[in-house]
Amino acid sequence: MITSGHNGLLIEPGDVHGLTSALEYLITDEELRVRMGSHNREIISARFDINLLMGRLSGIYDALQMKVS
């Protein structure tokens, strides 16, 4: 879900120095923050579009209804 440098920064669990460096990087690089935010808006819009989600939900209900009938 996250591509480091594209839509987030990946840090190994427990890596305090890595987390500190990533936070400093984000604080000082406005262009990076804006770019990552834009990429994430695109991802969210595509994955969680209400029409797409309603179509999937409708398909699930239809499949369940067929099993019950």
PDB file of N, CA and C in Angstrom:
ATOM      1  N   MET A   1       0.804  -1.191   0.000  1.00  0.00           N
ATOM      2  CA  MET A   1       0.000   0.000   0.000  1.00  0.00           C
ATOM      3  C   MET A   1       0.851   1.260   0.000  1.00  0.00           C
ATOM      4  N   ILE A   2       2.001   1.199   0.639  1.00  0.00           N
ATOM      5  CA  ILE A   2       2.865   2.382   0.681  1.00  0.00           C
ATOM      6  C   ILE A   2       4.120   2.096  -0.127  1.00  0.00           C
ATOM      7  N   THR A   3       4.419   2.999  -1.024  1.00  0.00           N
ATOM      8  CA  THR A   3       5.667   2.966  -1.766  1.00  0.00           C
ATOM      9  C   THR A   3       6.525   4.088  -1.203  1.00  0.00           C
ATOM     10  N   SER A   4       7.600   3.721  -0.548  1.00  0.00           N
ATOM     11  CA  SER A   4       8.429   4.709   0.137  1.00  0.00           C
ATOM     12  C   SER A   4       8.911   5.788  -0.828  1.00  0.00           C
ATOM     13  N   GLY A   5       8.690   7.037  -0.426  1.00  0.00           N
ATOM     14  CA  GLY A   5       9.077   8.169  -1.258  1.00  0.00           C
ATOM     15  C   GLY A   5       8.011   8.597  -2.230  1.00  0.00           C
ATOM     16  N   HIS A   6       7.029   7.736  -2.484  1.00  0.00           N
ATOM     17  CA  HIS A   6       5.958   8.052  -3.439  1.00  0.00           C
ATOM     18  C   HIS A   6       4.709   8.531  -2.699  1.00  0.00           C
ATOM     19  N   ASN A   7       4.234   7.724  -1.787  1.00  0.00           N
ATOM     20  CA  ASN A   7       3.035   8.111  -1.036  1.00  0.00           C
ATOM     21  C   ASN A   7       3.220   7.905   0.469  1.00  0.00           C
ATOM     22  N   GLY A   8       4.457   7.777   0.893  1.00  0.00           N
ATOM     23  CA  GLY A   8       4.763   7.638   2.313  1.00  0.00           C
ATOM     24  C   GLY A   8       6.229   7.315   2.496  1.00  0.00           C
ATOM     25  N   LEU A   9       6.611   7.175   3.728  1.00  0.00           N
ATOM     26  CA  LEU A   9       7.986   6.790   4.045  1.00  0.00           C
ATOM     27  C   LEU A   9       7.924   5.552   4.924  1.00  0.00           C
ATOM     28  N   LEU A  10       8.691   4.554   4.594  1.00  0.00           N
ATOM     29  CA  LEU A  10       8.711   3.312   5.362  1.00  0.00           C
ATOM     30  C   LEU A  10       9.918   3.300   6.290  1.00  0.00           C
ATOM     31  N   ILE A  11       9.655   2.971   7.543  1.00  0.00           N
ATOM     32  CA  ILE A  11      10.699   2.897   8.550  1.00  0.00           C
ATOM     33  C   ILE A  11      10.550   1.557   9.257  1.00  0.00           C
ATOM     34  N   GLU A  12      11.647   0.909   9.520  1.00  0.00           N
ATOM     35  CA  GLU A  12      11.618  -0.370  10.223  1.00  0.00           C
ATOM     36  C   GLU A  12      11.091  -0.172  11.643  1.00  0.00           C
ATOM     37  N   PRO A  13      10.281  -1.098  12.123  1.00  0.00           N
ATOM     38  CA  PRO A  13       9.799  -0.992  13.506  1.00  0.00           C
ATOM     39  C   PRO A  13      10.967  -0.888  14.487  1.00  0.00           C
ATOM     40  N   GLY A  14      10.845   0.029  15.421  1.00  0.00           N
ATOM     41  CA  GLY A  14      11.877   0.203  16.433  1.00  0.00           C
ATOM     42  C   GLY A  14      13.039   1.086  16.006  1.00  0.00           C
ATOM     43  N   ASP A  15      13.064   1.539  14.763  1.00  0.00           N
ATOM     44  CA  ASP A  15      14.161   2.362  14.254  1.00  0.00           C
ATOM     45  C   ASP A  15      13.898   3.833  14.585  1.00  0.00           C
ATOM     46  N   VAL A  16      14.287   4.217  15.798  1.00  0.00           N
ATOM     47  CA  VAL A  16      14.037   5.579  16.270  1.00  0.00           C
ATOM     48  C   VAL A  16      14.783   6.592  15.408  1.00  0.00           C
ATOM     49  N   HIS A  17      16.015   6.293  15.062  1.00  0.00           N
ATOM     50  CA  HIS A  17      16.798   7.206  14.226  1.00  0.00           C
ATOM     51  C   HIS A  17      16.141   7.363  12.842  1.00  0.00           C
ATOM     52  N   GLY A  18      15.675   6.258  12.279  1.00  0.00           N
ATOM     53  CA  GLY A  18      15.012   6.313  10.978  1.00  0.00           C
ATOM     54  C   GLY A  18      13.734   7.133  11.030  1.00  0.00           C
ATOM     55  N   LEU A  19      12.968   6.969  12.100  1.00  0.00           N
ATOM     56  CA  LEU A  19      11.738   7.740  12.263  1.00  0.00           C
ATOM     57  C   LEU A  19      12.050   9.224  12.416  1.00  0.00           C
ATOM     58  N   THR A  20      13.058   9.532  13.225  1.00  0.00           N
ATOM     59  CA  THR A  20      13.463  10.927  13.412  1.00  0.00           C
ATOM     60  C   THR A  20      13.888  11.541  12.087  1.00  0.00           C
ATOM     61  N   SER A  21      14.675  10.810  11.317  1.00  0.00           N
ATOM     62  CA  SER A  21      15.140  11.304  10.016  1.00  0.00           C
ATOM     63  C   SER A  21      13.975  11.523   9.056  1.00  0.00           C
ATOM     64  N   ALA A  22      13.030  10.580   9.033  1.00  0.00           N
ATOM     65  CA  ALA A  22      11.868  10.692   8.145  1.00  0.00           C
ATOM     66  C   ALA A  22      11.025  11.904   8.518  1.00  0.00           C
ATOM     67  N   LEU A  23      10.809  12.113   9.812  1.00  0.00           N
ATOM     68  CA  LEU A  23      10.024  13.275  10.257  1.00  0.00           C
ATOM     69  C   LEU A  23      10.724  14.583   9.905  1.00  0.00           C
ATOM     70  N   GLU A  24      12.030  14.640  10.109  1.00  0.00           N
ATOM     71  CA  GLU A  24      12.793  15.839   9.732  1.00  0.00           C
ATOM     72  C   GLU A  24      12.697  16.090   8.231  1.00  0.00           C
ATOM     73  N   TYR A  25      12.775  15.025   7.451  1.00  0.00           N
ATOM     74  CA  TYR A  25      12.670  15.104   5.995  1.00  0.00           C
ATOM     75  C   TYR A  25      11.309  15.686   5.591  1.00  0.00           C
ATOM     76  N   LEU A  26      10.259  15.188   6.210  1.00  0.00           N
ATOM     77  CA  LEU A  26       8.916  15.675   5.893  1.00  0.00           C
ATOM     78  C   LEU A  26       8.708  17.120   6.340  1.00  0.00           C
ATOM     79  N   ILE A  27       9.248  17.460   7.505  1.00  0.00           N
ATOM     80  CA  ILE A  27       9.094  18.819   8.020  1.00  0.00           C
ATOM     81  C   ILE A  27       9.782  19.825   7.109  1.00  0.00           C
ATOM     82  N   THR A  28      10.932  19.464   6.581  1.00  0.00           N
ATOM     83  CA  THR A  28      11.730  20.426   5.810  1.00  0.00           C
ATOM     84  C   THR A  28      11.461  20.402   4.304  1.00  0.00           C
ATOM     85  N   ASP A  29      10.758  19.406   3.804  1.00  0.00           N
ATOM     86  CA  ASP A  29      10.545  19.299   2.353  1.00  0.00           C
ATOM     87  C   ASP A  29       9.059  19.440   2.012  1.00  0.00           C
ATOM     88  N   GLU A  30       8.643  20.693   1.827  1.00  0.00           N
ATOM     89  CA  GLU A  30       7.228  20.957   1.533  1.00  0.00           C
ATOM     90  C   GLU A  30       6.794  20.312   0.223  1.00  0.00           C
ATOM     91  N   GLU A  31       7.649  20.335  -0.786  1.00  0.00           N
ATOM     92  CA  GLU A  31       7.301  19.732  -2.078  1.00  0.00           C
ATOM     93  C   GLU A  31       7.003  18.240  -1.926  1.00  0.00           C
ATOM     94  N   LEU A  32       7.793  17.555  -1.118  1.00  0.00           N
ATOM     95  CA  LEU A  32       7.573  16.129  -0.872  1.00  0.00           C
ATOM     96  C   LEU A  32       6.222  15.903  -0.191  1.00  0.00           C
ATOM     97  N   ARG A  33       5.924  16.711   0.824  1.00  0.00           N
ATOM     98  CA  ARG A  33       4.640  16.566   1.523  1.00  0.00           C
ATOM     99  C   ARG A  33       3.471  16.783   0.578  1.00  0.00           C
ATOM    100  N   VAL A  34       3.562  17.803  -0.252  1.00  0.00           N
ATOM    101  CA  VAL A  34       2.482  18.096  -1.199  1.00  0.00           C
ATOM    102  C   VAL A  34       2.338  16.961  -2.210  1.00  0.00           C
ATOM    103  N   ARG A  35       3.461  16.478  -2.738  1.00  0.00           N
ATOM    104  CA  ARG A  35       3.433  15.397  -3.728  1.00  0.00           C
ATOM    105  C   ARG A  35       2.847  14.118  -3.136  1.00  0.00           C
ATOM    106  N   MET A  36       3.277  13.755  -1.923  1.00  0.00           N
ATOM    107  CA  MET A  36       2.745  12.549  -1.276  1.00  0.00           C
ATOM    108  C   MET A  36       1.255  12.701  -0.985  1.00  0.00           C
ATOM    109  N   GLY A  37       0.861  13.884  -0.543  1.00  0.00           N
ATOM    110  CA  GLY A  37      -0.556  14.126  -0.285  1.00  0.00           C
ATOM    111  C   GLY A  37      -1.387  13.979  -1.541  1.00  0.00           C
ATOM    112  N   SER A  38      -0.875  14.487  -2.642  1.00  0.00           N
ATOM    113  CA  SER A  38      -1.570  14.378  -3.926  1.00  0.00           C
ATOM    114  C   SER A  38      -1.693  12.927  -4.369  1.00  0.00           C
ATOM    115  N   HIS A  39      -0.606  12.176  -4.250  1.00  0.00           N
ATOM    116  CA  HIS A  39      -0.644  10.753  -4.613  1.00  0.00           C
ATOM    117  C   HIS A  39      -1.664  10.006  -3.761  1.00  0.00           C
ATOM    118  N   ASN A  40      -1.690  10.302  -2.474  1.00  0.00           N
ATOM    119  CA  ASN A  40      -2.624   9.604  -1.587  1.00  0.00           C
ATOM    120  C   ASN A  40      -4.072   9.980  -1.871  1.00  0.00           C
ATOM    121  N   ARG A  41      -4.332  11.231  -2.230  1.00  0.00           N
ATOM    122  CA  ARG A  41      -5.702  11.608  -2.615  1.00  0.00           C
ATOM    123  C   ARG A  41      -6.139  10.825  -3.842  1.00  0.00           C
ATOM    124  N   GLU A  42      -5.244  10.657  -4.816  1.00  0.00           N
ATOM    125  CA  GLU A  42      -5.564   9.884  -6.019  1.00  0.00           C
ATOM    126  C   GLU A  42      -5.870   8.427  -5.664  1.00  0.00           C
ATOM    127  N   ILE A  43      -5.059   7.844  -4.801  1.00  0.00           N
ATOM    128  CA  ILE A  43      -5.246   6.446  -4.393  1.00  0.00           C
ATOM    129  C   ILE A  43      -6.583   6.278  -3.679  1.00  0.00           C
ATOM    130  N   ILE A  44      -6.864   7.160  -2.729  1.00  0.00           N
ATOM    131  CA  ILE A  44      -8.111   7.071  -1.956  1.00  0.00           C
ATOM    132  C   ILE A  44      -9.316   7.270  -2.865  1.00  0.00           C
ATOM    133  N   SER A  45      -9.235   8.249  -3.759  1.00  0.00           N
ATOM    134  CA  SER A  45     -10.356   8.499  -4.676  1.00  0.00           C
ATOM    135  C   SER A  45     -10.645   7.290  -5.550  1.00  0.00           C
ATOM    136  N   ALA A  46      -9.601   6.605  -6.001  1.00  0.00           N
ATOM    137  CA  ALA A  46      -9.789   5.443  -6.870  1.00  0.00           C
ATOM    138  C   ALA A  46     -10.297   4.225  -6.097  1.00  0.00           C
ATOM    139  N   ARG A  47      -9.752   3.987  -4.921  1.00  0.00           N
ATOM    140  CA  ARG A  47     -10.106   2.783  -4.163  1.00  0.00           C
ATOM    141  C   ARG A  47     -11.419   2.895  -3.404  1.00  0.00           C
ATOM    142  N   PHE A  48     -11.765   4.097  -3.004  1.00  0.00           N
ATOM    143  CA  PHE A  48     -12.917   4.268  -2.134  1.00  0.00           C
ATOM    144  C   PHE A  48     -14.004   5.137  -2.751  1.00  0.00           C
ATOM    145  N   ASP A  49     -14.079   5.134  -4.064  1.00  0.00           N
ATOM    146  CA  ASP A  49     -15.149   5.835  -4.766  1.00  0.00           C
ATOM    147  C   ASP A  49     -16.488   5.229  -4.338  1.00  0.00           C
ATOM    148  N   ILE A  50     -17.451   6.068  -3.970  1.00  0.00           N
ATOM    149  CA  ILE A  50     -18.722   5.586  -3.433  1.00  0.00           C
ATOM    150  C   ILE A  50     -19.453   4.688  -4.430  1.00  0.00           C
ATOM    151  N   ASN A  51     -19.400   5.011  -5.701  1.00  0.00           N
ATOM    152  CA  ASN A  51     -20.081   4.177  -6.703  1.00  0.00           C
ATOM    153  C   ASN A  51     -19.434   2.803  -6.815  1.00  0.00           C
ATOM    154  N   LEU A  52     -18.130   2.772  -6.775  1.00  0.00           N
ATOM    155  CA  LEU A  52     -17.406   1.505  -6.819  1.00  0.00           C
ATOM    156  C   LEU A  52     -17.722   0.662  -5.584  1.00  0.00           C
ATOM    157  N   LEU A  53     -17.680   1.285  -4.418  1.00  0.00           N
ATOM    158  CA  LEU A  53     -17.966   0.562  -3.185  1.00  0.00           C
ATOM    159  C   LEU A  53     -19.407   0.051  -3.147  1.00  0.00           C
ATOM    160  N   MET A  54     -20.344   0.850  -3.603  1.00  0.00           N
ATOM    161  CA  MET A  54     -21.741   0.422  -3.617  1.00  0.00           C
ATOM    162  C   MET A  54     -21.936  -0.744  -4.580  1.00  0.00           C
ATOM    163  N   GLY A  55     -21.250  -0.723  -5.712  1.00  0.00           N
ATOM    164  CA  GLY A  55     -21.324  -1.844  -6.652  1.00  0.00           C
ATOM    165  C   GLY A  55     -20.787  -3.127  -6.037  1.00  0.00           C
ATOM    166  N   ARG A  56     -19.662  -3.013  -5.318  1.00  0.00           N
ATOM    167  CA  ARG A  56     -19.096  -4.193  -4.657  1.00  0.00           C
ATOM    168  C   ARG A  56     -20.033  -4.716  -3.569  1.00  0.00           C
ATOM    169  N   LEU A  57     -20.568  -3.804  -2.773  1.00  0.00           N
ATOM    170  CA  LEU A  57     -21.480  -4.193  -1.704  1.00  0.00           C
ATOM    171  C   LEU A  57     -22.732  -4.856  -2.264  1.00  0.00           C
ATOM    172  N   SER A  58     -23.246  -4.309  -3.340  1.00  0.00           N
ATOM    173  CA  SER A  58     -24.420  -4.882  -3.991  1.00  0.00           C
ATOM    174  C   SER A  58     -24.120  -6.304  -4.483  1.00  0.00           C
ATOM    175  N   GLY A  59     -22.933  -6.494  -5.044  1.00  0.00           N
ATOM    176  CA  GLY A  59     -22.524  -7.828  -5.504  1.00  0.00           C
ATOM    177  C   GLY A  59     -22.439  -8.823  -4.359  1.00  0.00           C
ATOM    178  N   ILE A  60     -21.946  -8.378  -3.214  1.00  0.00           N
ATOM    179  CA  ILE A  60     -21.862  -9.252  -2.040  1.00  0.00           C
ATOM    180  C   ILE A  60     -23.263  -9.645  -1.583  1.00  0.00           C
ATOM    181  N   TYR A  61     -24.161  -8.660  -1.497  1.00  0.00           N
ATOM    182  CA  TYR A  61     -25.538  -8.957  -1.087  1.00  0.00           C
ATOM    183  C   TYR A  61     -26.210  -9.916  -2.065  1.00  0.00           C
ATOM    184  N   ASP A  62     -25.996  -9.692  -3.352  1.00  0.00           N
ATOM    185  CA  ASP A  62     -26.584 -10.586  -4.355  1.00  0.00           C
ATOM    186  C   ASP A  62     -26.064 -12.011  -4.180  1.00  0.00           C
ATOM    187  N   ALA A  63     -24.762 -12.160  -3.958  1.00  0.00           N
ATOM    188  CA  ALA A  63     -24.181 -13.485  -3.786  1.00  0.00           C
ATOM    189  C   ALA A  63     -24.720 -14.153  -2.532  1.00  0.00           C
ATOM    190  N   LEU A  64     -24.857 -13.406  -1.468  1.00  0.00           N
ATOM    191  CA  LEU A  64     -25.397 -13.965  -0.225  1.00  0.00           C
ATOM    192  C   LEU A  64     -26.861 -14.356  -0.388  1.00  0.00           C
ATOM    193  N   GLN A  65     -27.589 -13.543  -1.097  1.00  0.00           N
ATOM    194  CA  GLN A  65     -29.016 -13.818  -1.308  1.00  0.00           C
ATOM    195  C   GLN A  65     -29.197 -15.105  -2.121  1.00  0.00           C
ATOM    196  N   MET A  66     -28.312 -15.334  -3.100  1.00  0.00           N
ATOM    197  CA  MET A  66     -28.403 -16.537  -3.924  1.00  0.00           C
ATOM    198  C   MET A  66     -28.113 -17.780  -3.065  1.00  0.00           C
ATOM    199  N   LYS A  67     -27.211 -17.670  -2.086  1.00  0.00           N
ATOM    200  CA  LYS A  67     -26.879 -18.806  -1.231  1.00  0.00           C
ATOM    201  C   LYS A  67     -28.030 -19.144  -0.301  1.00  0.00           C
ATOM    202  N   VAL A  68     -28.767 -18.131   0.133  1.00  0.00           N
ATOM    203  CA  VAL A  68     -29.869 -18.341   1.058  1.00  0.00           C
ATOM    204  C   VAL A  68     -31.076 -18.912   0.340  1.00  0.00           C
ATOM    205  N   SER A  69     -31.264 -18.519  -0.902  1.00  0.00           N
ATOM    206  CA  SER A  69     -32.457 -18.953  -1.662  1.00  0.00           C
ATOM    207  C   SER A  69     -32.404 -20.400  -2.019  1.00  0.00           C
TER     208      SER A  69
END
